[in-house]
Amino acid sequence: MIATSSLDSTVESYQYKIQSCDTLETLENLRLEILGKNGFITQQLKILGQLDPESRRHQGAVLNQAKETLSKLLQKKKQDLEEHHLSQRLAKEAVDITLPARPWKVGKIHLLSQVRQQITDYFQKVGFQLAEGPEIEDEYHNFDALNIPAHHPARQNHDTFYLKDWPHRLLRTHTSTVQIRSLTQQKPPVRLISLGRVYRSDDLDATHTPMFHQVEGLVLEPGVHMGHLKGCLMDFCRSFFDNPNLTFRFRPSFFPFTEPSLEVDICHSFGKSDQRWLEILGAGMVHPQVLQHCGIDPDTTQGFAFGIGIERLAMLKYGLEDIRPMYQSDQRWLDYYGQRWS
């Protein structure tokens, strides 16, 4: 057991060392030397059991006082160093908001906006009219007019976002609603395309998100048939992917608002030796009942419609495997895929 006079001298020495510390790392090493498992104070406290009761009581009080004094000093020094470190960092990272405006434009066009513009440019070039509609819809335009029956699973809460305090109102599940609204105001012949946000009750994962973007096309003209639909889709995809040799596969399918219906696959390359068939869109000839709901005689008028997920097109064209970075505002991702505007 160290003598009281020697203990006072040691404590004074440690006080000086604490005050002399200039980094948090040095201070922490000194704290371990004093109060750690094998530190000076800890070792002295372990020896107290060897003393007689009177000496143990006296020496214990002295050691506890020394421990409290050094602990408070260590804490105070740590606080001072942290504040000093923070002030240095703030000074280093400070931004002078009085700087003049930069002479260059640093904004970039988001990848989804680029793809939307590419799609719009193509279809407007071949005579399609751009149409818009509300994102909050009623059940008639979103389901009934599109021949989706009341018992269809898509109308249930697990698939569709209904508005709690607004009966029979919902967030649209597809942009086909725009076509229904347009046909009540505009009669054939028409070539319409609508792009926008749609909402479905999907979990957020690598390929799904509760909100995504969709493009829908509608053509109603005399003599239109399935061959026109296939030619339109093939020409668009070859133009969009900049691949005149892109191959397709058309598979029979079912959608309530088209008859006959089909799904379209493309043979997409993921490398020299890795080519796969991937579904990219659904389409078909407009169902006669949908035309009737819009006040159009299906015996004299027919046409085709198609729907494409814009995120899916972007992922395929730019080699993305995860949809989520499109919405995470990561500046590195935005800088890489963004297109500088002029």
Protein backbone atom coordinates (compact mmCIF):
# COMPACT_ATOMS: atom_id res chain seq x y z
CA MET A 1 0.00 0.00 0.00
CA ILE A 2 1.38 3.38 -1.06
CA ALA A 3 1.93 5.95 1.66
CA THR A 4 -0.46 8.91 1.89
CA SER A 5 2.24 11.43 0.99
CA SER A 6 3.28 9.38 -2.03
CA LEU A 7 -0.37 9.01 -3.03
CA ASP A 8 -0.84 12.80 -2.95
CA SER A 9 2.23 13.21 -5.12
CA THR A 10 1.01 10.58 -7.58
CA VAL A 11 -2.42 12.20 -7.80
CA GLU A 12 -0.82 15.58 -8.50
CA SER A 13 1.28 13.96 -11.22
CA TYR A 14 -1.78 12.44 -12.83
CA GLN A 15 -3.61 15.77 -12.62
CA TYR A 16 -0.80 17.40 -14.57
CA LYS A 17 -0.82 14.62 -17.18
CA ILE A 18 -4.60 14.94 -17.61
CA GLN A 19 -4.35 18.68 -18.17
CA SER A 20 -1.56 18.10 -20.69
CA CYS A 21 -3.56 15.69 -22.89
CA ASP A 22 -4.29 17.15 -26.32
CA THR A 23 -6.23 14.27 -27.94
CA LEU A 24 -9.11 12.06 -26.87
CA GLU A 25 -7.03 8.97 -27.60
CA THR A 26 -4.25 10.09 -25.25
CA LEU A 27 -6.81 10.93 -22.58
CA GLU A 28 -8.45 7.52 -22.86
CA ASN A 29 -5.11 5.76 -22.47
CA LEU A 30 -4.42 7.82 -19.36
CA ARG A 31 -7.87 7.00 -17.96
CA LEU A 32 -7.15 3.29 -18.33
CA GLU A 33 -3.78 3.78 -16.64
CA ILE A 34 -5.52 5.39 -13.64
CA LEU A 35 -8.96 3.75 -13.39
CA GLY A 36 -8.79 0.75 -15.71
CA LYS A 37 -8.86 -2.88 -14.66
CA ASN A 38 -5.16 -2.81 -14.01
CA GLY A 39 -4.98 0.91 -13.29
CA PHE A 40 -3.22 2.58 -10.37
CA ILE A 41 -6.32 3.38 -8.27
CA THR A 42 -7.89 -0.03 -8.95
CA GLN A 43 -4.75 -1.85 -7.80
CA GLN A 44 -4.57 0.26 -4.64
CA LEU A 45 -8.18 -0.53 -3.78
CA LYS A 46 -7.49 -4.24 -4.16
CA ILE A 47 -4.77 -4.06 -1.50
CA LEU A 48 -7.11 -2.54 1.14
CA GLY A 49 -8.17 -6.00 2.28
CA GLN A 50 -4.67 -6.67 3.62
CA LEU A 51 -4.86 -3.77 6.11
CA ASP A 52 -6.21 -3.73 9.63
CA PRO A 53 -9.73 -2.24 10.02
CA GLU A 54 -8.61 1.22 11.17
CA SER A 55 -5.99 1.61 8.42
CA ARG A 56 -8.40 0.20 5.84
CA ARG A 57 -11.06 2.75 6.78
CA HIS A 58 -8.63 5.66 6.60
CA GLN A 59 -6.81 4.55 3.47
CA GLY A 60 -10.10 3.70 1.73
CA ALA A 61 -11.41 7.21 2.31
CA VAL A 62 -8.20 8.71 0.89
CA LEU A 63 -8.29 6.46 -2.19
CA ASN A 64 -11.97 7.16 -2.86
CA GLN A 65 -11.29 10.89 -2.63
CA ALA A 66 -8.40 10.55 -5.07
CA LYS A 67 -10.54 8.45 -7.42
CA GLU A 68 -13.36 11.02 -7.37
CA THR A 69 -10.96 13.92 -7.98
CA LEU A 70 -9.27 12.23 -10.94
CA SER A 71 -12.58 10.96 -12.39
CA LYS A 72 -14.07 14.48 -12.39
CA LEU A 73 -10.90 15.89 -13.95
CA LEU A 74 -10.91 13.20 -16.66
CA GLN A 75 -14.56 13.89 -17.45
CA LYS A 76 -14.00 17.64 -17.59
CA LYS A 77 -10.97 17.24 -19.86
CA LYS A 78 -12.90 14.90 -22.16
CA GLN A 79 -15.69 17.43 -22.48
CA ASP A 80 -13.22 20.21 -23.26
CA LEU A 81 -11.48 18.14 -25.93
CA GLU A 82 -14.77 17.14 -27.56
CA GLU A 83 -15.93 20.75 -27.69
CA HIS A 84 -12.58 21.82 -29.13
CA HIS A 85 -12.74 19.05 -31.74
CA LEU A 86 -16.30 20.04 -32.68
CA SER A 87 -15.43 23.72 -33.02
CA GLN A 88 -12.48 22.84 -35.28
CA ARG A 89 -14.70 20.63 -37.44
CA LEU A 90 -17.40 23.29 -37.70
CA ALA A 91 -14.83 25.87 -38.71
CA LYS A 92 -13.37 23.52 -41.32
CA GLU A 93 -16.75 22.52 -42.79
CA ALA A 94 -18.35 25.95 -42.66
CA VAL A 95 -20.07 27.15 -45.83
CA ASP A 96 -19.90 30.78 -46.80
CA ILE A 97 -23.43 31.51 -47.99
CA THR A 98 -22.29 34.89 -49.26
CA LEU A 99 -20.35 33.27 -52.11
CA PRO A 100 -21.49 34.46 -55.55
CA ALA A 101 -23.61 32.13 -57.67
CA ARG A 102 -21.62 29.50 -59.53
CA PRO A 103 -21.35 30.15 -63.26
CA TRP A 104 -22.38 26.57 -64.12
CA LYS A 105 -25.60 24.67 -63.60
CA VAL A 106 -25.09 21.70 -61.27
CA GLY A 107 -28.60 20.21 -61.46
CA LYS A 108 -29.11 16.93 -63.31
CA ILE A 109 -32.16 15.23 -64.78
CA HIS A 110 -33.16 12.14 -62.79
CA LEU A 111 -32.96 8.83 -64.64
CA LEU A 112 -36.73 8.29 -64.43
CA SER A 113 -37.34 11.74 -65.91
CA GLN A 114 -34.94 10.90 -68.73
CA VAL A 115 -36.78 7.65 -69.51
CA ARG A 116 -40.18 9.37 -69.36
CA GLN A 117 -38.94 11.95 -71.84
CA GLN A 118 -37.54 9.27 -74.17
CA ILE A 119 -40.91 7.48 -74.16
CA THR A 120 -42.85 10.71 -74.70
CA ASP A 121 -40.58 11.82 -77.55
CA TYR A 122 -41.01 8.53 -79.39
CA PHE A 123 -44.80 8.31 -79.16
CA GLN A 124 -45.37 11.98 -79.95
CA LYS A 125 -43.16 11.52 -83.01
CA VAL A 126 -45.49 8.76 -84.30
CA GLY A 127 -48.66 10.76 -83.71
CA PHE A 128 -49.73 10.00 -80.14
CA GLN A 129 -51.34 12.72 -78.04
CA LEU A 130 -50.19 13.11 -74.43
CA ALA A 131 -53.09 12.93 -71.92
CA GLU A 132 -53.17 13.47 -68.16
CA GLY A 133 -55.56 12.61 -65.36
CA PRO A 134 -55.97 12.71 -61.56
CA GLU A 135 -54.04 10.40 -59.26
CA ILE A 136 -57.00 10.24 -56.84
CA GLU A 137 -59.69 8.30 -58.65
CA ASP A 138 -63.15 6.83 -58.11
CA GLU A 139 -64.03 3.16 -58.42
CA TYR A 140 -65.93 3.69 -61.66
CA HIS A 141 -63.01 5.06 -63.68
CA ASN A 142 -60.41 2.82 -62.02
CA PHE A 143 -62.38 -0.45 -62.11
CA ASP A 144 -65.97 -0.49 -63.40
CA ALA A 145 -65.36 1.27 -66.72
CA LEU A 146 -62.39 -1.02 -67.34
CA ASN A 147 -64.53 -4.15 -66.98
CA ILE A 148 -62.99 -5.12 -63.62
CA PRO A 149 -65.79 -6.85 -61.65
CA ALA A 150 -66.62 -6.14 -58.02
CA HIS A 151 -65.23 -9.50 -56.86
CA HIS A 152 -61.84 -9.03 -58.58
CA PRO A 153 -58.86 -9.31 -56.14
CA ALA A 154 -57.39 -6.03 -57.43
CA ARG A 155 -60.29 -4.19 -55.78
CA GLN A 156 -59.45 -5.46 -52.31
CA ASN A 157 -57.55 -3.50 -49.63
CA HIS A 158 -54.54 -5.79 -49.91
CA ASP A 159 -54.01 -4.56 -53.47
CA THR A 160 -55.39 -1.02 -53.56
CA PHE A 161 -54.96 2.09 -51.40
CA TYR A 162 -58.42 3.41 -50.50
CA LEU A 163 -58.82 6.84 -48.89
CA LYS A 164 -60.01 6.42 -45.32
CA ASP A 165 -62.27 9.46 -45.04
CA TRP A 166 -63.40 9.61 -48.68
CA PRO A 167 -65.73 6.71 -49.60
CA HIS A 168 -65.16 4.98 -52.94
CA ARG A 169 -62.05 7.06 -53.61
CA LEU A 170 -58.60 5.56 -54.09
CA LEU A 171 -55.10 6.13 -55.41
CA ARG A 172 -55.20 5.01 -59.03
CA THR A 173 -53.70 1.59 -59.67
CA HIS A 174 -52.98 2.22 -63.37
CA THR A 175 -52.99 5.06 -65.86
CA SER A 176 -55.76 3.38 -67.89
CA THR A 177 -58.11 5.69 -65.99
CA VAL A 178 -56.80 8.56 -68.13
CA GLN A 179 -57.94 6.77 -71.27
CA ILE A 180 -61.46 6.30 -69.91
CA ARG A 181 -61.72 9.97 -69.01
CA SER A 182 -60.29 11.03 -72.38
CA LEU A 183 -62.73 8.89 -74.39
CA THR A 184 -65.73 10.52 -72.71
CA GLN A 185 -64.56 13.85 -74.16
CA GLN A 186 -62.88 12.78 -77.40
CA LYS A 187 -64.22 10.30 -79.92
CA PRO A 188 -62.24 8.10 -82.35
CA PRO A 189 -59.98 8.17 -84.16
CA VAL A 190 -57.56 8.69 -81.27
CA ARG A 191 -53.96 7.91 -80.38
CA LEU A 192 -53.41 8.58 -76.70
CA ILE A 193 -50.52 8.02 -74.34
CA SER A 194 -50.57 8.73 -70.60
CA LEU A 195 -47.65 8.65 -68.18
CA GLY A 196 -47.73 9.10 -64.44
CA ARG A 197 -47.55 7.75 -60.92
CA VAL A 198 -49.66 4.76 -59.91
CA TYR A 199 -50.06 3.09 -56.51
CA ARG A 200 -50.42 -0.51 -55.41
CA SER A 201 -50.11 -2.15 -52.03
CA ASP A 202 -46.74 -3.82 -52.68
CA ASP A 203 -43.86 -4.27 -50.26
CA LEU A 204 -40.71 -2.31 -50.97
CA ASP A 205 -38.03 -4.67 -52.28
CA ALA A 206 -35.53 -4.85 -55.13
CA THR A 207 -38.22 -4.96 -57.85
CA HIS A 208 -41.38 -3.56 -56.22
CA THR A 209 -42.43 -0.32 -54.63
CA PRO A 210 -45.86 0.96 -53.45
CA MET A 211 -45.58 3.86 -55.90
CA PHE A 212 -44.20 3.51 -59.40
CA HIS A 213 -44.62 5.02 -62.86
CA GLN A 214 -46.55 3.62 -65.78
CA VAL A 215 -47.13 4.50 -69.41
CA GLU A 216 -50.37 3.43 -71.13
CA GLY A 217 -51.14 3.68 -74.81
CA LEU A 218 -54.47 3.57 -76.65
CA VAL A 219 -55.22 3.51 -80.36
CA LEU A 220 -58.77 3.57 -81.78
CA GLU A 221 -58.82 3.85 -85.58
CA PRO A 222 -60.67 2.20 -88.45
CA GLY A 223 -59.25 -1.18 -89.41
CA VAL A 224 -56.88 -1.50 -86.43
CA HIS A 225 -55.97 -5.12 -85.61
CA MET A 226 -53.50 -7.19 -83.60
CA GLY A 227 -50.82 -6.85 -86.26
CA HIS A 228 -50.79 -3.08 -85.74
CA LEU A 229 -50.42 -3.59 -81.99
CA LYS A 230 -47.45 -5.94 -82.40
CA GLY A 231 -45.78 -3.64 -84.91
CA CYS A 232 -46.23 -0.60 -82.66
CA LEU A 233 -44.72 -2.34 -79.63
CA MET A 234 -41.82 -3.88 -81.55
CA ASP A 235 -40.90 -0.57 -83.16
CA PHE A 236 -41.05 1.25 -79.82
CA CYS A 237 -38.92 -1.30 -77.95
CA ARG A 238 -36.29 -1.45 -80.69
CA SER A 239 -36.10 2.33 -80.67
CA PHE A 240 -36.01 2.62 -76.87
CA PHE A 241 -33.31 -0.02 -76.40
CA ASP A 242 -31.47 1.16 -79.53
CA ASN A 243 -31.39 -2.39 -80.86
CA PRO A 244 -32.89 -2.97 -84.33
CA ASN A 245 -32.38 -6.74 -83.92
CA LEU A 246 -34.27 -7.05 -80.62
CA THR A 247 -36.32 -10.26 -80.60
CA PHE A 248 -39.80 -10.68 -79.10
CA ARG A 249 -42.12 -13.34 -77.78
CA PHE A 250 -45.89 -12.75 -77.57
CA ARG A 251 -47.79 -14.93 -75.11
CA PRO A 252 -51.58 -15.20 -74.67
CA SER A 253 -52.75 -13.74 -71.36
CA PHE A 254 -55.83 -12.28 -69.65
CA PHE A 255 -56.72 -8.72 -68.67
CA PRO A 256 -60.30 -7.65 -67.92
CA PHE A 257 -60.07 -4.60 -70.19
CA THR A 258 -58.62 -6.25 -73.34
CA GLU A 259 -59.72 -9.24 -75.45
CA PRO A 260 -57.67 -10.93 -76.77
CA SER A 261 -54.83 -10.11 -74.35
CA LEU A 262 -51.13 -10.81 -74.54
CA GLU A 263 -47.89 -10.36 -72.63
CA VAL A 264 -44.70 -9.32 -74.39
CA ASP A 265 -41.24 -10.70 -73.64
CA ILE A 266 -37.93 -9.51 -75.04
CA CYS A 267 -34.70 -11.47 -75.27
CA HIS A 268 -32.43 -9.33 -73.13
CA SER A 269 -28.67 -9.76 -72.91
CA PHE A 270 -26.93 -9.71 -69.51
CA GLY A 271 -23.55 -10.50 -71.03
CA LYS A 272 -22.03 -12.33 -73.96
CA SER A 273 -23.25 -15.75 -72.79
CA ASP A 274 -26.28 -14.75 -70.69
CA GLN A 275 -29.48 -14.01 -72.58
CA ARG A 276 -32.92 -14.34 -71.00
CA TRP A 277 -36.55 -13.81 -71.89
CA LEU A 278 -38.00 -11.03 -69.78
CA GLU A 279 -41.61 -9.85 -69.58
CA ILE A 280 -41.82 -6.10 -70.13
CA LEU A 281 -45.48 -5.23 -70.78
CA GLY A 282 -49.09 -6.30 -71.18
CA ALA A 283 -51.35 -5.39 -74.10
CA GLY A 284 -54.37 -6.43 -76.12
CA MET A 285 -57.36 -5.37 -78.21
CA VAL A 286 -59.69 -3.09 -76.27
CA HIS A 287 -62.57 -5.07 -74.75
CA PRO A 288 -65.97 -4.26 -76.35
CA GLN A 289 -67.53 -3.56 -72.93
CA VAL A 290 -64.87 -0.92 -72.22
CA LEU A 291 -65.82 0.81 -75.48
CA GLN A 292 -69.49 0.64 -74.52
CA HIS A 293 -68.77 2.27 -71.15
CA CYS A 294 -67.24 5.19 -73.07
CA GLY A 295 -70.22 5.52 -75.39
CA ILE A 296 -68.44 3.98 -78.41
CA ASP A 297 -70.02 1.33 -80.63
CA PRO A 298 -67.73 -1.76 -80.59
CA ASP A 299 -69.31 -3.04 -83.82
CA THR A 300 -67.90 -0.11 -85.79
CA THR A 301 -64.79 0.80 -83.79
CA GLN A 302 -61.94 -1.24 -82.40
CA GLY A 303 -58.44 -0.58 -81.18
CA PHE A 304 -55.59 -1.71 -78.98
CA ALA A 305 -54.08 -0.71 -75.63
CA PHE A 306 -50.85 -1.45 -73.78
CA GLY A 307 -49.28 -0.72 -70.40
CA ILE A 308 -45.60 -0.58 -69.45
CA GLY A 309 -43.81 -0.02 -66.13
CA ILE A 310 -41.37 2.86 -66.62
CA GLU A 311 -39.06 1.73 -63.80
CA ARG A 312 -38.82 -1.71 -65.41
CA LEU A 313 -37.78 -0.19 -68.72
CA ALA A 314 -35.17 1.96 -66.96
CA MET A 315 -33.77 -1.03 -65.05
CA LEU A 316 -33.41 -3.10 -68.22
CA LYS A 317 -31.92 -0.33 -70.34
CA TYR A 318 -29.37 0.83 -67.76
CA GLY A 319 -28.56 -2.52 -66.14
CA LEU A 320 -30.08 -1.84 -62.72
CA GLU A 321 -30.88 -4.75 -60.41
CA ASP A 322 -32.58 -2.79 -57.61
CA ILE A 323 -35.43 -0.29 -57.95
CA ARG A 324 -34.93 1.32 -54.53
CA PRO A 325 -31.92 3.58 -55.31
CA MET A 326 -34.17 5.50 -57.71
CA TYR A 327 -35.96 6.96 -54.68
CA GLN A 328 -33.20 7.17 -52.05
CA SER A 329 -31.71 10.54 -53.05
CA ASP A 330 -28.16 9.20 -52.93
CA GLN A 331 -26.07 11.98 -54.48
CA ARG A 332 -23.53 9.51 -55.85
CA TRP A 333 -26.27 7.57 -57.68
CA LEU A 334 -27.83 10.78 -58.95
CA ASP A 335 -24.48 12.06 -60.21
CA TYR A 336 -23.76 8.78 -62.03
CA TYR A 337 -27.13 8.30 -63.72
CA GLY A 338 -28.26 11.91 -63.90
CA GLN A 339 -28.05 13.82 -67.13
CA ARG A 340 -26.77 17.41 -66.97
CA TRP A 341 -29.39 19.86 -68.16
CA SER A 342 -28.63 22.88 -70.25
